[in-house]
Protein backbone atom coordinates (compact mmCIF):
# COMPACT_ATOMS: atom_id res chain seq x y z
CA UNK A 1 -5.67 -2.65 -10.78
CA UNK A 2 -5.16 -4.24 -7.32
CA UNK A 3 -1.66 -5.17 -5.47
CA UNK A 4 -1.33 -6.82 -2.05
CA UNK A 5 1.60 -5.35 -0.36
CA UNK A 6 3.54 -6.90 2.44
CA UNK A 7 5.40 -4.63 4.42
CA UNK A 8 8.30 -6.61 6.24
CA UNK A 9 10.63 -3.46 6.89
CA UNK A 10 10.76 -1.46 10.12
CA UNK A 11 9.56 1.29 8.52
CA UNK A 12 6.03 2.39 7.13
CA UNK A 13 6.01 2.43 3.45
CA UNK A 14 3.94 5.14 1.46
CA UNK A 15 2.05 4.17 -2.00
CA UNK A 16 0.38 6.25 -4.33
CA UNK A 17 -3.16 4.70 -4.94
CA UNK A 18 -6.16 6.35 -7.11
CA UNK A 19 -7.32 9.37 -4.92
CA UNK A 20 -4.24 10.03 -2.87
CA UNK A 21 -1.95 8.44 -0.65
CA UNK A 22 -1.79 5.05 1.60
CA UNK A 23 0.87 4.04 4.07
CA UNK A 24 1.39 0.48 4.91
CA UNK A 25 2.80 0.16 8.67
CA UNK A 26 5.55 -2.54 9.50
CA UNK A 27 4.40 -6.01 9.72
CA UNK A 28 1.17 -4.85 8.00
CA UNK A 29 -0.44 -6.67 4.70
CA UNK A 30 -2.55 -4.53 2.67
CA UNK A 31 -4.62 -4.98 -0.54
CA UNK A 32 -4.35 -1.06 -2.52
CA UNK A 33 -5.98 -0.51 -5.64
CA UNK A 34 -3.30 1.86 -7.41
CA UNK A 35 -5.46 2.76 -10.15
CA UNK A 36 -9.11 3.20 -11.66
CA UNK A 37 -10.14 0.31 -13.80
């Protein structure tokens, strides 16, 4: 399953993804695959 994450905070946010961890930096928009399908 894929999600688009928009980080409008002043700090980075970490998300568990399939195979590890992804960090979304402040002001960044990323599409993350959170599980294997």
